[in-house]
Amino acid sequence: MNSIENEDQKQTQRETIRIYLGPNLRGGQLLQSTVFRSGIPSYLTPLMAEQPDVAELIVPVDEMTEVQERILQAGTAEYTVYQRLLGKGN
């Protein structure tokens, strides 16, 4: 395997790793900074159906810094979603 193939494989791996940047959810259903290495687990499906905003804050690790900055900026979509999740009694 040449170095280009290795880089492509590493890039694909990085793309599949996602992180939840929302607030901790009530009852420990989902904690901030939870990392998903192989997709989002099926046990979160009911939670995401009940609170679709959760999915908006599960982002690729490569985008984590930018999304965290937008969560802190009033008026951004990420800020709004984060605040809505905070307001659900978390």
N, C-alpha and C. Protein backbone atom coordinates (compact mmCIF):
# COMPACT_ATOMS: atom_id res chain seq x y z
N MET A 1 0.85 -1.17 0.00
CA MET A 1 0.00 0.00 0.00
C MET A 1 0.90 1.24 0.00
N ASN A 2 0.63 2.17 -0.92
CA ASN A 2 1.48 3.36 -0.97
C ASN A 2 0.98 4.43 -0.01
N SER A 3 1.75 5.50 0.11
CA SER A 3 1.42 6.53 1.11
C SER A 3 0.12 7.26 0.78
N ILE A 4 -0.21 7.39 -0.50
CA ILE A 4 -1.48 8.05 -0.87
C ILE A 4 -2.65 7.20 -0.40
N GLU A 5 -2.58 5.90 -0.60
CA GLU A 5 -3.65 5.01 -0.13
C GLU A 5 -3.76 5.07 1.39
N ASN A 6 -2.62 5.10 2.08
CA ASN A 6 -2.62 5.21 3.54
C ASN A 6 -3.31 6.50 3.98
N GLU A 7 -3.00 7.61 3.33
CA GLU A 7 -3.61 8.89 3.68
C GLU A 7 -5.11 8.85 3.43
N ASP A 8 -5.53 8.26 2.30
CA ASP A 8 -6.96 8.14 2.00
C ASP A 8 -7.67 7.32 3.07
N GLN A 9 -7.04 6.22 3.48
CA GLN A 9 -7.63 5.36 4.50
C GLN A 9 -7.73 6.11 5.84
N LYS A 10 -6.69 6.84 6.20
CA LYS A 10 -6.72 7.62 7.45
C LYS A 10 -7.80 8.69 7.38
N GLN A 11 -7.94 9.34 6.22
CA GLN A 11 -8.96 10.38 6.07
C GLN A 11 -10.35 9.78 6.22
N THR A 12 -10.59 8.62 5.62
CA THR A 12 -11.89 7.96 5.74
C THR A 12 -12.18 7.63 7.20
N GLN A 13 -11.17 7.14 7.92
CA GLN A 13 -11.34 6.83 9.34
C GLN A 13 -11.70 8.08 10.12
N ARG A 14 -11.01 9.19 9.87
CA ARG A 14 -11.29 10.44 10.59
C ARG A 14 -12.71 10.92 10.31
N GLU A 15 -13.18 10.74 9.08
CA GLU A 15 -14.51 11.20 8.72
C GLU A 15 -15.59 10.43 9.46
N THR A 16 -15.33 9.19 9.81
CA THR A 16 -16.36 8.41 10.48
C THR A 16 -16.41 8.67 11.98
N ILE A 17 -15.39 9.27 12.53
CA ILE A 17 -15.38 9.56 13.96
C ILE A 17 -16.14 10.87 14.19
N ARG A 18 -17.18 10.80 15.03
CA ARG A 18 -18.02 11.96 15.32
C ARG A 18 -18.05 12.19 16.83
N ILE A 19 -18.41 13.40 17.22
CA ILE A 19 -18.45 13.76 18.63
C ILE A 19 -19.72 14.57 18.92
N TYR A 20 -20.31 14.32 20.08
CA TYR A 20 -21.49 15.07 20.51
C TYR A 20 -21.03 16.30 21.28
N LEU A 21 -21.44 17.48 20.82
CA LEU A 21 -21.01 18.73 21.44
C LEU A 21 -22.12 19.44 22.19
N GLY A 22 -23.25 18.79 22.35
CA GLY A 22 -24.35 19.40 23.09
C GLY A 22 -24.16 19.23 24.59
N PRO A 23 -25.12 19.75 25.36
CA PRO A 23 -25.04 19.62 26.82
C PRO A 23 -25.32 18.19 27.26
N ASN A 24 -24.88 17.86 28.48
CA ASN A 24 -25.24 16.56 29.06
C ASN A 24 -26.76 16.47 29.10
N LEU A 25 -27.29 15.33 28.73
CA LEU A 25 -28.74 15.15 28.74
C LEU A 25 -29.18 14.44 30.00
N ARG A 26 -30.35 14.79 30.45
CA ARG A 26 -30.94 14.27 31.68
C ARG A 26 -30.84 12.74 31.74
N GLY A 27 -30.55 12.25 32.91
CA GLY A 27 -30.50 10.81 33.13
C GLY A 27 -29.29 10.13 32.51
N GLY A 28 -28.32 10.91 32.07
CA GLY A 28 -27.13 10.32 31.48
C GLY A 28 -27.36 9.69 30.13
N GLN A 29 -28.46 10.10 29.45
CA GLN A 29 -28.75 9.52 28.14
C GLN A 29 -27.62 9.77 27.14
N LEU A 30 -27.02 10.95 27.24
CA LEU A 30 -25.92 11.31 26.34
C LEU A 30 -25.11 12.41 27.03
N LEU A 31 -23.80 12.21 27.08
CA LEU A 31 -22.92 13.16 27.75
C LEU A 31 -22.13 13.96 26.72
N GLN A 32 -21.89 15.22 27.05
CA GLN A 32 -21.09 16.08 26.18
C GLN A 32 -19.74 15.42 25.92
N SER A 33 -19.26 15.55 24.71
CA SER A 33 -17.96 15.03 24.26
C SER A 33 -17.94 13.52 24.09
N THR A 34 -19.11 12.88 24.00
CA THR A 34 -19.15 11.45 23.68
C THR A 34 -18.67 11.28 22.25
N VAL A 35 -17.76 10.33 22.03
CA VAL A 35 -17.18 10.08 20.71
C VAL A 35 -17.80 8.82 20.13
N PHE A 36 -18.16 8.90 18.85
CA PHE A 36 -18.72 7.75 18.13
C PHE A 36 -17.75 7.37 17.02
N ARG A 37 -17.17 6.19 17.15
CA ARG A 37 -16.16 5.75 16.19
C ARG A 37 -16.73 4.94 15.03
N SER A 38 -17.87 4.33 15.22
CA SER A 38 -18.44 3.46 14.18
C SER A 38 -19.89 3.81 13.91
N GLY A 39 -20.15 5.06 13.71
CA GLY A 39 -21.52 5.49 13.49
C GLY A 39 -22.22 5.74 14.82
N ILE A 40 -23.44 6.24 14.70
CA ILE A 40 -24.23 6.55 15.89
C ILE A 40 -24.98 5.29 16.31
N PRO A 41 -24.83 4.86 17.56
CA PRO A 41 -25.45 3.61 18.00
C PRO A 41 -26.98 3.66 17.97
N SER A 42 -27.58 2.52 17.72
CA SER A 42 -29.04 2.44 17.58
C SER A 42 -29.77 2.79 18.87
N TYR A 43 -29.14 2.63 20.02
CA TYR A 43 -29.84 2.96 21.27
C TYR A 43 -30.14 4.46 21.38
N LEU A 44 -29.50 5.28 20.54
CA LEU A 44 -29.78 6.71 20.55
C LEU A 44 -30.92 7.10 19.61
N THR A 45 -31.41 6.17 18.81
CA THR A 45 -32.47 6.47 17.85
C THR A 45 -33.71 7.05 18.52
N PRO A 46 -34.23 6.44 19.61
CA PRO A 46 -35.40 7.04 20.26
C PRO A 46 -35.13 8.45 20.79
N LEU A 47 -33.96 8.67 21.34
CA LEU A 47 -33.60 9.99 21.86
C LEU A 47 -33.58 11.01 20.73
N MET A 48 -32.99 10.65 19.60
CA MET A 48 -32.91 11.59 18.49
C MET A 48 -34.27 11.81 17.84
N ALA A 49 -35.17 10.84 17.94
CA ALA A 49 -36.53 11.03 17.44
C ALA A 49 -37.28 12.01 18.35
N GLU A 50 -37.04 11.89 19.65
CA GLU A 50 -37.69 12.77 20.63
C GLU A 50 -37.09 14.18 20.62
N GLN A 51 -35.77 14.25 20.43
CA GLN A 51 -35.06 15.53 20.45
C GLN A 51 -34.16 15.63 19.21
N PRO A 52 -34.73 15.97 18.06
CA PRO A 52 -33.95 16.01 16.82
C PRO A 52 -32.74 16.95 16.87
N ASP A 53 -32.77 17.91 17.78
CA ASP A 53 -31.63 18.83 17.90
C ASP A 53 -30.34 18.10 18.28
N VAL A 54 -30.46 16.97 18.93
CA VAL A 54 -29.27 16.20 19.34
C VAL A 54 -28.41 15.89 18.11
N ALA A 55 -29.04 15.45 17.03
CA ALA A 55 -28.30 15.07 15.83
C ALA A 55 -27.52 16.24 15.24
N GLU A 56 -28.04 17.46 15.44
CA GLU A 56 -27.37 18.65 14.90
C GLU A 56 -26.02 18.90 15.57
N LEU A 57 -25.85 18.38 16.78
CA LEU A 57 -24.61 18.62 17.52
C LEU A 57 -23.73 17.38 17.61
N ILE A 58 -24.00 16.39 16.77
CA ILE A 58 -23.09 15.25 16.60
C ILE A 58 -22.36 15.51 15.29
N VAL A 59 -21.11 15.91 15.40
CA VAL A 59 -20.37 16.42 14.25
C VAL A 59 -19.07 15.64 14.05
N PRO A 60 -18.52 15.68 12.83
CA PRO A 60 -17.20 15.06 12.62
C PRO A 60 -16.16 15.71 13.53
N VAL A 61 -15.27 14.91 14.05
CA VAL A 61 -14.23 15.41 14.96
C VAL A 61 -13.43 16.53 14.29
N ASP A 62 -13.22 16.43 12.98
CA ASP A 62 -12.46 17.45 12.27
C ASP A 62 -13.13 18.83 12.33
N GLU A 63 -14.44 18.88 12.58
CA GLU A 63 -15.17 20.15 12.63
C GLU A 63 -15.42 20.63 14.06
N MET A 64 -14.92 19.89 15.02
CA MET A 64 -15.23 20.15 16.42
C MET A 64 -14.91 21.59 16.85
N THR A 65 -13.73 22.07 16.57
CA THR A 65 -13.32 23.40 17.02
C THR A 65 -14.24 24.48 16.46
N GLU A 66 -14.53 24.40 15.16
CA GLU A 66 -15.38 25.41 14.53
C GLU A 66 -16.79 25.38 15.11
N VAL A 67 -17.33 24.19 15.32
CA VAL A 67 -18.68 24.07 15.86
C VAL A 67 -18.72 24.59 17.30
N GLN A 68 -17.70 24.27 18.09
CA GLN A 68 -17.66 24.78 19.47
C GLN A 68 -17.65 26.31 19.49
N GLU A 69 -16.94 26.92 18.56
CA GLU A 69 -16.92 28.38 18.49
C GLU A 69 -18.30 28.92 18.14
N ARG A 70 -18.99 28.26 17.20
CA ARG A 70 -20.33 28.72 16.81
C ARG A 70 -21.35 28.50 17.92
N ILE A 71 -21.16 27.47 18.75
CA ILE A 71 -22.06 27.24 19.88
C ILE A 71 -22.02 28.43 20.84
N LEU A 72 -20.89 29.09 20.93
CA LEU A 72 -20.72 30.23 21.83
C LEU A 72 -21.17 31.56 21.23
N GLN A 73 -21.45 31.58 19.93
CA GLN A 73 -21.82 32.83 19.25
C GLN A 73 -23.33 32.94 19.13
N ALA A 74 -23.91 33.87 19.88
CA ALA A 74 -25.36 34.09 19.80
C ALA A 74 -25.76 34.37 18.35
N GLY A 75 -26.88 33.79 17.96
CA GLY A 75 -27.39 34.00 16.61
C GLY A 75 -27.05 32.91 15.62
N THR A 76 -26.08 32.04 15.95
CA THR A 76 -25.76 30.95 15.03
C THR A 76 -26.73 29.79 15.24
N ALA A 77 -26.84 28.96 14.23
CA ALA A 77 -27.72 27.79 14.34
C ALA A 77 -27.27 26.88 15.49
N GLU A 78 -25.97 26.71 15.64
CA GLU A 78 -25.45 25.84 16.69
C GLU A 78 -25.78 26.39 18.08
N TYR A 79 -25.66 27.69 18.26
CA TYR A 79 -26.01 28.33 19.53
C TYR A 79 -27.48 28.08 19.86
N THR A 80 -28.33 28.28 18.86
CA THR A 80 -29.78 28.11 19.05
C THR A 80 -30.12 26.68 19.44
N VAL A 81 -29.54 25.72 18.74
CA VAL A 81 -29.80 24.30 19.03
C VAL A 81 -29.32 23.95 20.44
N TYR A 82 -28.13 24.40 20.80
CA TYR A 82 -27.58 24.13 22.13
C TYR A 82 -28.50 24.69 23.21
N GLN A 83 -28.96 25.92 23.02
CA GLN A 83 -29.84 26.56 24.01
C GLN A 83 -31.17 25.82 24.12
N ARG A 84 -31.70 25.35 22.99
CA ARG A 84 -32.95 24.57 23.04
C ARG A 84 -32.75 23.30 23.85
N LEU A 85 -31.62 22.63 23.65
CA LEU A 85 -31.35 21.40 24.41
C LEU A 85 -31.20 21.71 25.90
N LEU A 86 -30.58 22.82 26.23
CA LEU A 86 -30.46 23.21 27.64
C LEU A 86 -31.84 23.44 28.25
N GLY A 87 -32.75 23.95 27.48
CA GLY A 87 -34.09 24.27 27.96
C GLY A 87 -35.00 23.08 28.13
N LYS A 88 -34.56 21.89 27.73
CA LYS A 88 -35.40 20.70 27.84
C LYS A 88 -35.26 20.04 29.21
N GLY A 89 -34.78 20.77 30.19
CA GLY A 89 -34.67 20.22 31.54
C GLY A 89 -33.43 19.41 31.79
N ASN A 90 -32.37 19.71 31.05
CA ASN A 90 -31.13 18.97 31.17
C ASN A 90 -30.32 19.48 32.34
